[in-house]
């Protein structure tokens, strides 16, 4: 799988001065792996997280954002 073959969605907080993340929702639904990448580097690496780890990341970002 390549990251270019996935549909990536920007965070709802993407209008915060360029510090944006994207995720691949269809991949998450079909595999229970949440792929996350830096929206400024769409051809760069991405993280593979469990759903639980992704929920923790979102919670942390909301608290310390």
PDB file of N, CA and C in Angstrom:
ATOM      1  N   UNK A   1       0.852  -1.178   0.000  1.00  0.00           N
ATOM      2  CA  UNK A   1       0.000   0.000   0.000  1.00  0.00           C
ATOM      3  C   UNK A   1       0.896   1.238   0.000  1.00  0.00           C
ATOM      4  N   UNK A   2       0.518   2.203  -0.793  1.00  0.00           N
ATOM      5  CA  UNK A   2       1.222   3.481  -0.773  1.00  0.00           C
ATOM      6  C   UNK A   2       0.284   4.542  -0.238  1.00  0.00           C
ATOM      7  N   UNK A   3       0.868   5.564   0.367  1.00  0.00           N
ATOM      8  CA  UNK A   3       0.020   6.614   0.941  1.00  0.00           C
ATOM      9  C   UNK A   3      -0.747   7.368  -0.133  1.00  0.00           C
ATOM     10  N   UNK A   4      -0.234   7.363  -1.370  1.00  0.00           N
ATOM     11  CA  UNK A   4      -0.931   8.088  -2.438  1.00  0.00           C
ATOM     12  C   UNK A   4      -2.192   7.359  -2.902  1.00  0.00           C
ATOM     13  N   UNK A   5      -2.324   6.066  -2.580  1.00  0.00           N
ATOM     14  CA  UNK A   5      -3.514   5.321  -2.983  1.00  0.00           C
ATOM     15  C   UNK A   5      -4.655   5.462  -1.981  1.00  0.00           C
ATOM     16  N   UNK A   6      -4.435   6.190  -0.907  1.00  0.00           N
ATOM     17  CA  UNK A   6      -5.439   6.375   0.138  1.00  0.00           C
ATOM     18  C   UNK A   6      -6.090   7.746   0.036  1.00  0.00           C
ATOM     19  N   UNK A   7      -7.300   7.855   0.567  1.00  0.00           N
ATOM     20  CA  UNK A   7      -7.944   9.163   0.682  1.00  0.00           C
ATOM     21  C   UNK A   7      -7.610   9.698   2.062  1.00  0.00           C
ATOM     22  N   UNK A   8      -6.935  10.831   2.082  1.00  0.00           N
ATOM     23  CA  UNK A   8      -6.520  11.470   3.335  1.00  0.00           C
ATOM     24  C   UNK A   8      -7.446  12.634   3.654  1.00  0.00           C
ATOM     25  N   UNK A   9      -7.788  12.796   4.926  1.00  0.00           N
ATOM     26  CA  UNK A   9      -8.692  13.852   5.384  1.00  0.00           C
ATOM     27  C   UNK A   9      -7.939  14.714   6.396  1.00  0.00           C
ATOM     28  N   UNK A  10      -8.006  16.034   6.205  1.00  0.00           N
ATOM     29  CA  UNK A  10      -7.336  16.942   7.145  1.00  0.00           C
ATOM     30  C   UNK A  10      -8.111  17.043   8.448  1.00  0.00           C
ATOM     31  N   UNK A  11      -7.376  17.283   9.493  1.00  0.00           N
ATOM     32  CA  UNK A  11      -7.967  17.505  10.805  1.00  0.00           C
ATOM     33  C   UNK A  11      -8.937  18.681  10.745  1.00  0.00           C
ATOM     34  N   UNK A  12      -9.957  18.639  11.575  1.00  0.00           N
ATOM     35  CA  UNK A  12     -10.897  19.764  11.630  1.00  0.00           C
ATOM     36  C   UNK A  12     -10.243  21.012  12.190  1.00  0.00           C
ATOM     37  N   UNK A  13      -9.055  20.882  12.770  1.00  0.00           N
ATOM     38  CA  UNK A  13      -8.307  22.020  13.301  1.00  0.00           C
ATOM     39  C   UNK A  13      -7.226  22.475  12.331  1.00  0.00           C
ATOM     40  N   UNK A  14      -7.382  22.166  11.045  1.00  0.00           N
ATOM     41  CA  UNK A  14      -6.327  22.435  10.072  1.00  0.00           C
ATOM     42  C   UNK A  14      -6.140  23.914   9.756  1.00  0.00           C
ATOM     43  N   UNK A  15      -6.965  24.752  10.291  1.00  0.00           N
ATOM     44  CA  UNK A  15      -6.845  26.189  10.029  1.00  0.00           C
ATOM     45  C   UNK A  15      -6.122  26.890  11.177  1.00  0.00           C
ATOM     46  N   UNK A  16      -5.127  26.212  11.751  1.00  0.00           N
ATOM     47  CA  UNK A  16      -4.463  26.740  12.936  1.00  0.00           C
ATOM     48  C   UNK A  16      -3.039  27.208  12.680  1.00  0.00           C
ATOM     49  N   UNK A  17      -2.733  27.660  11.489  1.00  0.00           N
ATOM     50  CA  UNK A  17      -1.401  28.174  11.217  1.00  0.00           C
ATOM     51  C   UNK A  17      -0.459  27.166  10.596  1.00  0.00           C
ATOM     52  N   UNK A  18      -0.968  26.107  10.019  1.00  0.00           N
ATOM     53  CA  UNK A  18      -0.132  25.182   9.292  1.00  0.00           C
ATOM     54  C   UNK A  18       0.298  23.925  10.023  1.00  0.00           C
ATOM     55  N   UNK A  19      -0.043  23.789  11.273  1.00  0.00           N
ATOM     56  CA  UNK A  19       0.324  22.577  12.013  1.00  0.00           C
ATOM     57  C   UNK A  19      -0.817  21.581  11.894  1.00  0.00           C
ATOM     58  N   UNK A  20      -0.846  20.864  10.772  1.00  0.00           N
ATOM     59  CA  UNK A  20      -1.999  20.028  10.453  1.00  0.00           C
ATOM     60  C   UNK A  20      -1.617  18.558  10.354  1.00  0.00           C
ATOM     61  N   UNK A  21      -2.557  17.720  10.682  1.00  0.00           N
ATOM     62  CA  UNK A  21      -2.411  16.289  10.451  1.00  0.00           C
ATOM     63  C   UNK A  21      -3.562  15.824   9.571  1.00  0.00           C
ATOM     64  N   UNK A  22      -3.321  14.721   8.891  1.00  0.00           N
ATOM     65  CA  UNK A  22      -4.337  14.077   8.078  1.00  0.00           C
ATOM     66  C   UNK A  22      -4.424  12.619   8.496  1.00  0.00           C
ATOM     67  N   UNK A  23      -5.577  12.024   8.241  1.00  0.00           N
ATOM     68  CA  UNK A  23      -5.744  10.607   8.506  1.00  0.00           C
ATOM     69  C   UNK A  23      -6.514   9.964   7.370  1.00  0.00           C
ATOM     70  N   UNK A  24      -6.449   8.632   7.284  1.00  0.00           N
ATOM     71  CA  UNK A  24      -7.092   7.881   6.204  1.00  0.00           C
ATOM     72  C   UNK A  24      -8.270   7.087   6.780  1.00  0.00           C
ATOM     73  N   UNK A  25      -9.480   7.671   6.751  1.00  0.00           N
ATOM     74  CA  UNK A  25     -10.622   7.045   7.440  1.00  0.00           C
ATOM     75  C   UNK A  25     -11.055   5.692   6.870  1.00  0.00           C
ATOM     76  N   UNK A  26     -11.044   5.524   5.552  1.00  0.00           N
ATOM     77  CA  UNK A  26     -11.479   4.236   4.990  1.00  0.00           C
ATOM     78  C   UNK A  26     -10.518   3.115   5.392  1.00  0.00           C
ATOM     79  N   UNK A  27      -9.240   3.425   5.429  1.00  0.00           N
ATOM     80  CA  UNK A  27      -8.263   2.431   5.869  1.00  0.00           C
ATOM     81  C   UNK A  27      -8.536   2.050   7.324  1.00  0.00           C
ATOM     82  N   UNK A  28      -8.834   3.030   8.147  1.00  0.00           N
ATOM     83  CA  UNK A  28      -9.123   2.770   9.555  1.00  0.00           C
ATOM     84  C   UNK A  28     -10.352   1.865   9.711  1.00  0.00           C
ATOM     85  N   UNK A  29     -11.376   2.115   8.930  1.00  0.00           N
ATOM     86  CA  UNK A  29     -12.591   1.304   9.024  1.00  0.00           C
ATOM     87  C   UNK A  29     -12.358  -0.133   8.587  1.00  0.00           C
ATOM     88  N   UNK A  30     -11.519  -0.336   7.588  1.00  0.00           N
ATOM     89  CA  UNK A  30     -11.330  -1.690   7.061  1.00  0.00           C
ATOM     90  C   UNK A  30     -10.249  -2.485   7.795  1.00  0.00           C
ATOM     91  N   UNK A  31      -9.356  -1.812   8.534  1.00  0.00           N
ATOM     92  CA  UNK A  31      -8.235  -2.534   9.144  1.00  0.00           C
ATOM     93  C   UNK A  31      -8.089  -2.315  10.645  1.00  0.00           C
ATOM     94  N   UNK A  32      -8.757  -1.337  11.205  1.00  0.00           N
ATOM     95  CA  UNK A  32      -8.593  -0.915  12.600  1.00  0.00           C
ATOM     96  C   UNK A  32      -7.199  -0.334  12.859  1.00  0.00           C
ATOM     97  N   UNK A  33      -6.506   0.068  11.794  1.00  0.00           N
ATOM     98  CA  UNK A  33      -5.252   0.813  11.903  1.00  0.00           C
ATOM     99  C   UNK A  33      -5.532   2.243  11.463  1.00  0.00           C
ATOM    100  N   UNK A  34      -5.135   3.205  12.257  1.00  0.00           N
ATOM    101  CA  UNK A  34      -5.344   4.603  11.909  1.00  0.00           C
ATOM    102  C   UNK A  34      -4.007   5.161  11.418  1.00  0.00           C
ATOM    103  N   UNK A  35      -3.980   5.548  10.146  1.00  0.00           N
ATOM    104  CA  UNK A  35      -2.782   6.129   9.561  1.00  0.00           C
ATOM    105  C   UNK A  35      -2.849   7.642   9.709  1.00  0.00           C
ATOM    106  N   UNK A  36      -1.768   8.248  10.183  1.00  0.00           N
ATOM    107  CA  UNK A  36      -1.712   9.687  10.439  1.00  0.00           C
ATOM    108  C   UNK A  36      -0.443  10.231   9.802  1.00  0.00           C
ATOM    109  N   UNK A  37      -0.563  11.385   9.125  1.00  0.00           N
ATOM    110  CA  UNK A  37       0.607  12.000   8.504  1.00  0.00           C
ATOM    111  C   UNK A  37       0.551  13.513   8.637  1.00  0.00           C
ATOM    112  N   UNK A  38       1.680  14.139   8.377  1.00  0.00           N
ATOM    113  CA  UNK A  38       1.806  15.595   8.365  1.00  0.00           C
ATOM    114  C   UNK A  38       1.269  16.104   7.031  1.00  0.00           C
ATOM    115  N   UNK A  39       0.280  16.975   7.057  1.00  0.00           N
ATOM    116  CA  UNK A  39      -0.323  17.447   5.811  1.00  0.00           C
ATOM    117  C   UNK A  39       0.642  18.271   4.957  1.00  0.00           C
ATOM    118  N   UNK A  40       1.690  18.798   5.574  1.00  0.00           N
ATOM    119  CA  UNK A  40       2.665  19.579   4.808  1.00  0.00           C
ATOM    120  C   UNK A  40       3.635  18.690   4.037  1.00  0.00           C
ATOM    121  N   UNK A  41       3.634  17.383   4.337  1.00  0.00           N
ATOM    122  CA  UNK A  41       4.548  16.444   3.687  1.00  0.00           C
ATOM    123  C   UNK A  41       3.765  15.217   3.209  1.00  0.00           C
ATOM    124  N   UNK A  42       2.893  15.385   2.193  1.00  0.00           N
ATOM    125  CA  UNK A  42       2.013  14.295   1.789  1.00  0.00           C
ATOM    126  C   UNK A  42       2.730  13.072   1.219  1.00  0.00           C
ATOM    127  N   UNK A  43       3.975  13.213   0.811  1.00  0.00           N
ATOM    128  CA  UNK A  43       4.718  12.062   0.284  1.00  0.00           C
ATOM    129  C   UNK A  43       5.694  11.510   1.313  1.00  0.00           C
ATOM    130  N   UNK A  44       5.647  12.056   2.509  1.00  0.00           N
ATOM    131  CA  UNK A  44       6.544  11.627   3.574  1.00  0.00           C
ATOM    132  C   UNK A  44       5.980  10.451   4.349  1.00  0.00           C
ATOM    133  N   UNK A  45       6.587  10.144   5.465  1.00  0.00           N
ATOM    134  CA  UNK A  45       6.154   8.988   6.275  1.00  0.00           C
ATOM    135  C   UNK A  45       4.826   9.242   6.978  1.00  0.00           C
ATOM    136  N   UNK A  46       4.234   8.174   7.448  1.00  0.00           N
ATOM    137  CA  UNK A  46       3.016   8.272   8.248  1.00  0.00           C
ATOM    138  C   UNK A  46       3.135   7.335   9.432  1.00  0.00           C
ATOM    139  N   UNK A  47       2.366   7.615  10.455  1.00  0.00           N
ATOM    140  CA  UNK A  47       2.307   6.761  11.639  1.00  0.00           C
ATOM    141  C   UNK A  47       1.155   5.778  11.491  1.00  0.00           C
ATOM    142  N   UNK A  48       1.336   4.583  11.985  1.00  0.00           N
ATOM    143  CA  UNK A  48       0.272   3.591  12.046  1.00  0.00           C
ATOM    144  C   UNK A  48      -0.077   3.395  13.516  1.00  0.00           C
ATOM    145  N   UNK A  49      -1.298   3.749  13.878  1.00  0.00           N
ATOM    146  CA  UNK A  49      -1.746   3.675  15.266  1.00  0.00           C
ATOM    147  C   UNK A  49      -2.936   2.740  15.394  1.00  0.00           C
ATOM    148  N   UNK A  50      -3.089   2.152  16.568  1.00  0.00           N
ATOM    149  CA  UNK A  50      -4.328   1.429  16.859  1.00  0.00           C
ATOM    150  C   UNK A  50      -5.425   2.478  17.083  1.00  0.00           C
ATOM    151  N   UNK A  51      -6.655   2.039  17.029  1.00  0.00           N
ATOM    152  CA  UNK A  51      -7.761   2.969  17.302  1.00  0.00           C
ATOM    153  C   UNK A  51      -7.640   3.567  18.698  1.00  0.00           C
ATOM    154  N   UNK A  52      -7.234   2.755  19.650  1.00  0.00           N
ATOM    155  CA  UNK A  52      -7.082   3.231  21.025  1.00  0.00           C
ATOM    156  C   UNK A  52      -5.963   4.271  21.133  1.00  0.00           C
ATOM    157  N   UNK A  53      -4.838   4.017  20.473  1.00  0.00           N
ATOM    158  CA  UNK A  53      -3.734   4.976  20.497  1.00  0.00           C
ATOM    159  C   UNK A  53      -4.139   6.282  19.808  1.00  0.00           C
ATOM    160  N   UNK A  54      -4.893   6.186  18.718  1.00  0.00           N
ATOM    161  CA  UNK A  54      -5.347   7.386  18.018  1.00  0.00           C
ATOM    162  C   UNK A  54      -6.280   8.196  18.922  1.00  0.00           C
ATOM    163  N   UNK A  55      -7.179   7.527  19.613  1.00  0.00           N
ATOM    164  CA  UNK A  55      -8.081   8.225  20.538  1.00  0.00           C
ATOM    165  C   UNK A  55      -7.273   8.937  21.620  1.00  0.00           C
ATOM    166  N   UNK A  56      -6.212   8.299  22.099  1.00  0.00           N
ATOM    167  CA  UNK A  56      -5.343   8.935  23.083  1.00  0.00           C
ATOM    168  C   UNK A  56      -4.630  10.146  22.522  1.00  0.00           C
ATOM    169  N   UNK A  57      -4.181  10.055  21.278  1.00  0.00           N
ATOM    170  CA  UNK A  57      -3.531  11.189  20.613  1.00  0.00           C
ATOM    171  C   UNK A  57      -4.491  12.365  20.472  1.00  0.00           C
ATOM    172  N   UNK A  58      -5.709  12.092  20.054  1.00  0.00           N
ATOM    173  CA  UNK A  58      -6.715  13.143  19.907  1.00  0.00           C
ATOM    174  C   UNK A  58      -7.023  13.777  21.262  1.00  0.00           C
ATOM    175  N   UNK A  59      -7.172  12.970  22.279  1.00  0.00           N
ATOM    176  CA  UNK A  59      -7.441  13.488  23.623  1.00  0.00           C
ATOM    177  C   UNK A  59      -6.292  14.374  24.101  1.00  0.00           C
ATOM    178  N   UNK A  60      -5.071  13.924  23.891  1.00  0.00           N
ATOM    179  CA  UNK A  60      -3.911  14.708  24.279  1.00  0.00           C
ATOM    180  C   UNK A  60      -3.878  16.046  23.539  1.00  0.00           C
ATOM    181  N   UNK A  61      -4.135  16.010  22.232  1.00  0.00           N
ATOM    182  CA  UNK A  61      -4.120  17.231  21.426  1.00  0.00           C
ATOM    183  C   UNK A  61      -5.191  18.220  21.892  1.00  0.00           C
ATOM    184  N   UNK A  62      -6.370  17.708  22.233  1.00  0.00           N
ATOM    185  CA  UNK A  62      -7.442  18.585  22.714  1.00  0.00           C
ATOM    186  C   UNK A  62      -7.087  19.229  24.046  1.00  0.00           C
ATOM    187  N   UNK A  63      -6.412  18.468  24.886  1.00  0.00           N
ATOM    188  CA  UNK A  63      -6.052  18.957  26.213  1.00  0.00           C
ATOM    189  C   UNK A  63      -4.862  19.918  26.177  1.00  0.00           C
ATOM    190  N   UNK A  64      -3.870  19.613  25.336  1.00  0.00           N
ATOM    191  CA  UNK A  64      -2.616  20.372  25.343  1.00  0.00           C
ATOM    192  C   UNK A  64      -2.401  21.178  24.068  1.00  0.00           C
ATOM    193  N   UNK A  65      -3.390  21.139  23.156  1.00  0.00           N
ATOM    194  CA  UNK A  65      -3.301  21.728  21.834  1.00  0.00           C
ATOM    195  C   UNK A  65      -2.771  23.072  21.756  1.00  0.00           C
TER     196      UNK A  65
END
